[in-house]
Amino acid sequence: MACTPEFVQYVADQLAGAGEITYRKMFGEYGMYCDGKIFALLCGDELFIKVTEAGKCLAPDLETASPYEGAKPYFRMEELDDREFLTEFVVATCRELPLPKPRKTKKK
């Protein structure tokens, strides 16, 4: 089941304090970005955040799961109402993630 637009907007609103939050439809679900870095997937009205050492330190008991068959494990965020914790978690996660590679431009 694909994410509802209401769920996607709710998650984006909850994470607004982490930086510039954007999302993009990908393969019927959504990728979430913070300041241009992809840090999470929204699949089936669930939030999955990339696993980092910072995330493990902040929430050592947090469950991991694959957002779709064949994907590597992500942190599965079941509690979305604690905006302060989510913001702290996303900021710490994104600090560890690399900047996106620049897109190649076509030569004329």
N, C-alpha and C. Protein backbone atom coordinates (compact mmCIF):
# COMPACT_ATOMS: atom_id res chain seq x y z
N MET A 1 0.84 -1.18 0.00
CA MET A 1 0.00 0.00 0.00
C MET A 1 0.88 1.25 0.00
N ALA A 2 0.64 2.14 -0.90
CA ALA A 2 1.44 3.36 -1.02
C ALA A 2 1.09 4.34 0.10
N CYS A 3 2.01 5.26 0.34
CA CYS A 3 1.81 6.28 1.36
C CYS A 3 0.69 7.23 0.93
N THR A 4 -0.05 7.69 1.91
CA THR A 4 -1.06 8.71 1.64
C THR A 4 -0.38 10.08 1.63
N PRO A 5 -0.89 11.00 0.84
CA PRO A 5 -0.32 12.36 0.84
C PRO A 5 -0.37 13.01 2.22
N GLU A 6 -1.39 12.69 2.99
CA GLU A 6 -1.52 13.25 4.35
C GLU A 6 -0.40 12.77 5.26
N PHE A 7 -0.03 11.49 5.13
CA PHE A 7 1.06 10.95 5.95
C PHE A 7 2.38 11.61 5.56
N VAL A 8 2.63 11.73 4.29
CA VAL A 8 3.87 12.34 3.81
C VAL A 8 3.99 13.76 4.34
N GLN A 9 2.92 14.53 4.24
CA GLN A 9 2.95 15.91 4.71
C GLN A 9 3.11 15.98 6.23
N TYR A 10 2.48 15.07 6.97
CA TYR A 10 2.61 15.03 8.42
C TYR A 10 4.07 14.80 8.82
N VAL A 11 4.72 13.84 8.19
CA VAL A 11 6.13 13.55 8.51
C VAL A 11 6.99 14.76 8.17
N ALA A 12 6.77 15.36 7.01
CA ALA A 12 7.54 16.54 6.62
C ALA A 12 7.35 17.67 7.64
N ASP A 13 6.13 17.87 8.10
CA ASP A 13 5.86 18.90 9.11
C ASP A 13 6.55 18.59 10.43
N GLN A 14 6.54 17.32 10.83
CA GLN A 14 7.18 16.92 12.08
C GLN A 14 8.69 17.16 12.05
N LEU A 15 9.29 17.05 10.88
CA LEU A 15 10.75 17.15 10.74
C LEU A 15 11.22 18.54 10.32
N ALA A 16 10.31 19.49 10.22
CA ALA A 16 10.65 20.82 9.70
C ALA A 16 11.80 21.49 10.45
N GLY A 17 11.98 21.21 11.71
CA GLY A 17 13.05 21.83 12.49
C GLY A 17 14.43 21.27 12.20
N ALA A 18 14.53 20.20 11.42
CA ALA A 18 15.83 19.56 11.14
C ALA A 18 16.59 20.25 10.02
N GLY A 19 15.89 21.01 9.20
CA GLY A 19 16.51 21.66 8.05
C GLY A 19 15.47 21.78 6.95
N GLU A 20 15.93 21.95 5.72
CA GLU A 20 15.00 22.04 4.60
C GLU A 20 14.56 20.63 4.22
N ILE A 21 13.33 20.29 4.60
CA ILE A 21 12.80 18.96 4.34
C ILE A 21 12.02 18.97 3.03
N THR A 22 12.41 18.08 2.14
CA THR A 22 11.70 17.91 0.87
C THR A 22 11.48 16.42 0.67
N TYR A 23 10.61 16.09 -0.25
CA TYR A 23 10.36 14.68 -0.56
C TYR A 23 10.07 14.56 -2.04
N ARG A 24 10.33 13.36 -2.53
CA ARG A 24 10.17 13.08 -3.95
C ARG A 24 9.57 11.69 -4.10
N LYS A 25 8.62 11.59 -4.98
CA LYS A 25 8.01 10.30 -5.27
C LYS A 25 9.02 9.42 -5.98
N MET A 26 9.17 8.19 -5.49
CA MET A 26 10.14 7.25 -6.05
C MET A 26 9.51 5.85 -6.07
N PHE A 27 9.31 5.31 -7.23
CA PHE A 27 8.81 3.94 -7.36
C PHE A 27 7.51 3.72 -6.59
N GLY A 28 6.64 4.71 -6.59
CA GLY A 28 5.36 4.59 -5.92
C GLY A 28 5.38 4.96 -4.45
N GLU A 29 6.55 5.16 -3.88
CA GLU A 29 6.69 5.59 -2.49
C GLU A 29 7.44 6.93 -2.49
N TYR A 30 8.06 7.29 -1.38
CA TYR A 30 8.72 8.60 -1.29
C TYR A 30 10.11 8.50 -0.68
N GLY A 31 11.02 9.32 -1.20
CA GLY A 31 12.31 9.54 -0.57
C GLY A 31 12.26 10.88 0.13
N MET A 32 12.82 10.97 1.34
CA MET A 32 12.84 12.23 2.09
C MET A 32 14.26 12.77 2.13
N TYR A 33 14.37 14.08 1.98
CA TYR A 33 15.65 14.77 1.94
C TYR A 33 15.69 15.84 3.01
N CYS A 34 16.86 16.03 3.58
CA CYS A 34 17.10 17.13 4.51
C CYS A 34 18.31 17.89 3.97
N ASP A 35 18.11 19.13 3.63
CA ASP A 35 19.18 19.95 3.06
C ASP A 35 19.87 19.25 1.89
N GLY A 36 19.07 18.59 1.08
CA GLY A 36 19.57 17.94 -0.13
C GLY A 36 20.08 16.53 0.04
N LYS A 37 20.18 16.04 1.26
CA LYS A 37 20.65 14.67 1.50
C LYS A 37 19.46 13.74 1.70
N ILE A 38 19.45 12.64 0.97
CA ILE A 38 18.39 11.66 1.20
C ILE A 38 18.71 10.92 2.49
N PHE A 39 17.75 10.91 3.41
CA PHE A 39 18.00 10.29 4.71
C PHE A 39 16.93 9.27 5.09
N ALA A 40 15.83 9.23 4.36
CA ALA A 40 14.74 8.35 4.76
C ALA A 40 13.88 7.96 3.57
N LEU A 41 13.13 6.89 3.78
CA LEU A 41 12.11 6.45 2.83
C LEU A 41 10.78 6.39 3.56
N LEU A 42 9.74 6.74 2.84
CA LEU A 42 8.38 6.58 3.35
C LEU A 42 7.73 5.49 2.52
N CYS A 43 7.38 4.39 3.18
CA CYS A 43 6.82 3.25 2.48
C CYS A 43 5.63 2.72 3.28
N GLY A 44 4.48 2.61 2.63
CA GLY A 44 3.31 2.06 3.30
C GLY A 44 2.93 2.81 4.56
N ASP A 45 2.99 4.13 4.52
CA ASP A 45 2.71 4.99 5.66
C ASP A 45 3.58 4.68 6.88
N GLU A 46 4.84 4.35 6.61
CA GLU A 46 5.84 4.17 7.67
C GLU A 46 7.09 4.95 7.29
N LEU A 47 7.79 5.44 8.32
CA LEU A 47 9.03 6.20 8.14
C LEU A 47 10.22 5.30 8.43
N PHE A 48 11.13 5.21 7.47
CA PHE A 48 12.35 4.43 7.61
C PHE A 48 13.53 5.38 7.42
N ILE A 49 14.40 5.48 8.45
CA ILE A 49 15.55 6.38 8.41
C ILE A 49 16.83 5.56 8.30
N LYS A 50 17.75 6.03 7.46
CA LYS A 50 19.02 5.32 7.26
C LYS A 50 19.72 5.06 8.59
N VAL A 51 20.35 3.91 8.69
CA VAL A 51 21.09 3.52 9.89
C VAL A 51 22.45 4.22 9.90
N THR A 52 22.75 4.89 11.00
CA THR A 52 24.06 5.53 11.22
C THR A 52 24.50 5.24 12.64
N GLU A 53 25.77 5.48 12.91
CA GLU A 53 26.28 5.32 14.27
C GLU A 53 25.60 6.30 15.23
N ALA A 54 25.36 7.51 14.76
CA ALA A 54 24.69 8.51 15.60
C ALA A 54 23.29 8.02 15.98
N GLY A 55 22.60 7.45 15.03
CA GLY A 55 21.26 6.92 15.31
C GLY A 55 21.30 5.79 16.31
N LYS A 56 22.29 4.92 16.18
CA LYS A 56 22.45 3.81 17.13
C LYS A 56 22.70 4.33 18.53
N CYS A 57 23.47 5.41 18.65
CA CYS A 57 23.76 5.99 19.97
C CYS A 57 22.52 6.65 20.57
N LEU A 58 21.77 7.36 19.74
CA LEU A 58 20.58 8.05 20.24
C LEU A 58 19.45 7.10 20.62
N ALA A 59 19.34 6.00 19.92
CA ALA A 59 18.23 5.06 20.15
C ALA A 59 18.73 3.64 19.96
N PRO A 60 19.53 3.13 20.94
CA PRO A 60 20.14 1.81 20.77
C PRO A 60 19.15 0.66 20.65
N ASP A 61 17.93 0.84 21.12
CA ASP A 61 16.94 -0.24 21.07
C ASP A 61 15.97 -0.11 19.90
N LEU A 62 16.21 0.85 19.04
CA LEU A 62 15.31 1.09 17.92
C LEU A 62 15.37 -0.07 16.93
N GLU A 63 14.21 -0.54 16.53
CA GLU A 63 14.10 -1.67 15.60
C GLU A 63 14.54 -1.26 14.20
N THR A 64 15.16 -2.18 13.49
CA THR A 64 15.47 -1.97 12.07
C THR A 64 14.62 -2.92 11.25
N ALA A 65 14.32 -2.49 10.05
CA ALA A 65 13.53 -3.30 9.13
C ALA A 65 13.82 -2.81 7.71
N SER A 66 13.52 -3.65 6.75
CA SER A 66 13.69 -3.26 5.35
C SER A 66 12.40 -2.60 4.88
N PRO A 67 12.50 -1.42 4.27
CA PRO A 67 11.29 -0.74 3.82
C PRO A 67 10.59 -1.45 2.66
N TYR A 68 11.33 -2.25 1.93
CA TYR A 68 10.76 -3.04 0.85
C TYR A 68 11.65 -4.26 0.65
N GLU A 69 11.13 -5.26 -0.02
CA GLU A 69 11.87 -6.51 -0.21
C GLU A 69 13.18 -6.25 -0.93
N GLY A 70 14.26 -6.75 -0.36
CA GLY A 70 15.58 -6.62 -0.96
C GLY A 70 16.35 -5.39 -0.52
N ALA A 71 15.72 -4.51 0.23
CA ALA A 71 16.40 -3.30 0.72
C ALA A 71 17.22 -3.62 1.96
N LYS A 72 18.28 -2.83 2.18
CA LYS A 72 19.03 -3.00 3.41
C LYS A 72 18.20 -2.43 4.57
N PRO A 73 18.53 -2.82 5.80
CA PRO A 73 17.73 -2.36 6.94
C PRO A 73 17.87 -0.86 7.18
N TYR A 74 16.78 -0.27 7.60
CA TYR A 74 16.68 1.13 8.02
C TYR A 74 16.10 1.13 9.43
N PHE A 75 16.28 2.22 10.15
CA PHE A 75 15.56 2.37 11.41
C PHE A 75 14.08 2.55 11.09
N ARG A 76 13.25 1.78 11.73
CA ARG A 76 11.81 1.89 11.54
C ARG A 76 11.26 2.78 12.65
N MET A 77 10.80 3.95 12.29
CA MET A 77 10.33 4.94 13.26
C MET A 77 8.83 4.78 13.45
N GLU A 78 8.46 4.17 14.55
CA GLU A 78 7.04 3.96 14.83
C GLU A 78 6.42 5.15 15.56
N GLU A 79 7.19 5.81 16.40
CA GLU A 79 6.70 6.95 17.17
C GLU A 79 7.02 8.24 16.43
N LEU A 80 6.00 8.86 15.87
CA LEU A 80 6.21 10.06 15.06
C LEU A 80 5.71 11.33 15.74
N ASP A 81 5.14 11.21 16.91
CA ASP A 81 4.57 12.37 17.57
C ASP A 81 5.58 13.19 18.36
N ASP A 82 6.74 12.62 18.68
CA ASP A 82 7.77 13.34 19.44
C ASP A 82 8.64 14.13 18.47
N ARG A 83 8.19 15.32 18.13
CA ARG A 83 8.86 16.16 17.14
C ARG A 83 10.29 16.48 17.55
N GLU A 84 10.52 16.75 18.82
CA GLU A 84 11.86 17.10 19.30
C GLU A 84 12.85 15.95 19.09
N PHE A 85 12.45 14.74 19.45
CA PHE A 85 13.33 13.59 19.26
C PHE A 85 13.58 13.33 17.78
N LEU A 86 12.52 13.36 16.97
CA LEU A 86 12.68 13.12 15.53
C LEU A 86 13.65 14.13 14.91
N THR A 87 13.50 15.39 15.30
CA THR A 87 14.39 16.42 14.77
C THR A 87 15.84 16.15 15.16
N GLU A 88 16.07 15.85 16.42
CA GLU A 88 17.43 15.53 16.90
C GLU A 88 17.99 14.32 16.16
N PHE A 89 17.16 13.31 15.97
CA PHE A 89 17.58 12.08 15.30
C PHE A 89 17.97 12.35 13.85
N VAL A 90 17.17 13.13 13.14
CA VAL A 90 17.43 13.42 11.73
C VAL A 90 18.67 14.29 11.58
N VAL A 91 18.82 15.29 12.44
CA VAL A 91 20.01 16.15 12.37
C VAL A 91 21.27 15.31 12.58
N ALA A 92 21.27 14.45 13.59
CA ALA A 92 22.43 13.60 13.87
C ALA A 92 22.69 12.63 12.71
N THR A 93 21.66 12.06 12.17
CA THR A 93 21.79 11.14 11.05
C THR A 93 22.40 11.84 9.84
N CYS A 94 21.87 13.00 9.51
CA CYS A 94 22.32 13.71 8.30
C CYS A 94 23.76 14.21 8.43
N ARG A 95 24.21 14.47 9.63
CA ARG A 95 25.62 14.86 9.82
C ARG A 95 26.56 13.78 9.31
N GLU A 96 26.15 12.52 9.41
CA GLU A 96 27.00 11.41 9.00
C GLU A 96 26.86 11.04 7.52
N LEU A 97 25.83 11.51 6.89
CA LEU A 97 25.59 11.13 5.49
C LEU A 97 26.38 12.03 4.55
N PRO A 98 26.87 11.47 3.47
CA PRO A 98 27.64 12.27 2.50
C PRO A 98 26.72 13.21 1.72
N LEU A 99 27.32 14.27 1.21
CA LEU A 99 26.59 15.16 0.32
C LEU A 99 26.29 14.42 -0.97
N PRO A 100 25.18 14.74 -1.61
CA PRO A 100 24.89 14.06 -2.88
C PRO A 100 25.94 14.42 -3.93
N LYS A 101 26.21 13.47 -4.81
CA LYS A 101 27.16 13.72 -5.89
C LYS A 101 26.52 14.69 -6.89
N PRO A 102 27.34 15.61 -7.40
CA PRO A 102 26.77 16.54 -8.39
C PRO A 102 26.34 15.79 -9.64
N ARG A 103 25.24 16.27 -10.21
CA ARG A 103 24.75 15.64 -11.45
C ARG A 103 25.65 16.03 -12.60
N LYS A 104 25.87 15.08 -13.48
CA LYS A 104 26.67 15.36 -14.67
C LYS A 104 25.81 16.12 -15.66
N THR A 105 26.40 17.12 -16.26
CA THR A 105 25.69 17.87 -17.28
C THR A 105 26.05 17.31 -18.64
N LYS A 106 25.11 17.36 -19.55
CA LYS A 106 25.34 16.86 -20.90
C LYS A 106 26.17 17.86 -21.67
N LYS A 107 27.16 17.35 -22.40
CA LYS A 107 27.97 18.22 -23.25
C LYS A 107 27.23 18.45 -24.56
N LYS A 108 27.34 19.66 -25.07
CA LYS A 108 26.68 19.98 -26.34
C LYS A 108 27.62 19.86 -27.50
